[in-house]
Amino acid sequence: MKKLIPALILIIIIAIAAGVYFVLTNLDALIEAAIEKYGSEATQTSVLVDGVKTDLANGTAAITGLTIGNPAGYEFANAFSLGEIRVGIDLESLQEEPYVINEIAVLAPQVFVEVNEDNKTNLNELKDNLAAGAKDSAQGQETREAAAGGSSEPRLIIRRVTFADGGIQARVAALKNKEYQLTLPRFDMRDLGGSKGATPGEIANEILKRLTDRAGDVVKKEIVDAQVKKLKEKAQQKFDEEKARLEDKAKSKLEDKVKDKLKGLFGR
């Protein structure tokens, strides 16, 4: 028995070391799989990643080729293509929650906005999916916490999220499915998670909500408002033309009456 105990301890140490080694050597693949799994559950669409590269020593990570699929019933394959995502982590904060991410920079994001024949917008449906997913996640979290004796998902604070060099591709069924290429202006988000932090799902929901709102504002201004302005200008032009025609007609009638009176006056 005395010899057995050290042997069991050694086996446990080896197992733990092997587990740590597996996690560290497969961390990129584990992160990629987690993004695809939980992202797909949250959005109820296909979420895919081309690659993940982490550098724990420097507290950085890069995610490339992250795409979020379109809800069913739309022509575009994706709702978002986020290009390259660079992450900077505050390593000192990893000792306790909330964990702090100093910055997430999203480079060359592409947003695909589509208004279908039923006048429904893909981004609005995606936001509804996210809201429903967040509710289900919260309910599931309560169940998991109760089963695990009160443990919870990690809470995060993100100091800054930046979207730069982005574009929008839009298609509107009511405008004969004409496609528009627009610019997504650079914008920042700050202090996500507040002072106490928020779950990854809550933060992801907030980021995508703000991104969809920003893209929606651009589409409204550049397409919808522009089309309304054109229609108003066209209507005003027709009004002015009709007004001029009626004025010319009234002027012509008045001239004819004056001529008739002059003929009567001079007997001609």
Foldseek 3Di string as FASTA:
>chain_A
DVVVVVVVVVVVVVVVVVVVVCCVVCVWVVVQVVCQVLVCLQQVFGWHWPTKDDDVVQQKIKTAFTFAAWDPPDDDGGQKTQGMKIWHFDNVQVVDPPGETAEIEGEAMEGEWEQDPVRDIRLVSSLVSNVVSVVVVVVVQVVVCVVVVRDGAHFYWYAKYKYPFYWYWYFYVVVVRDIDIGTQHIDMDGGPQPPRGDHPSVSVSVVSVVVSVSNVVRCCVPPVVVVVVVVVVVVVVVVVVVVVVVVVVVVVVVVVVVVVVVCVVVVD
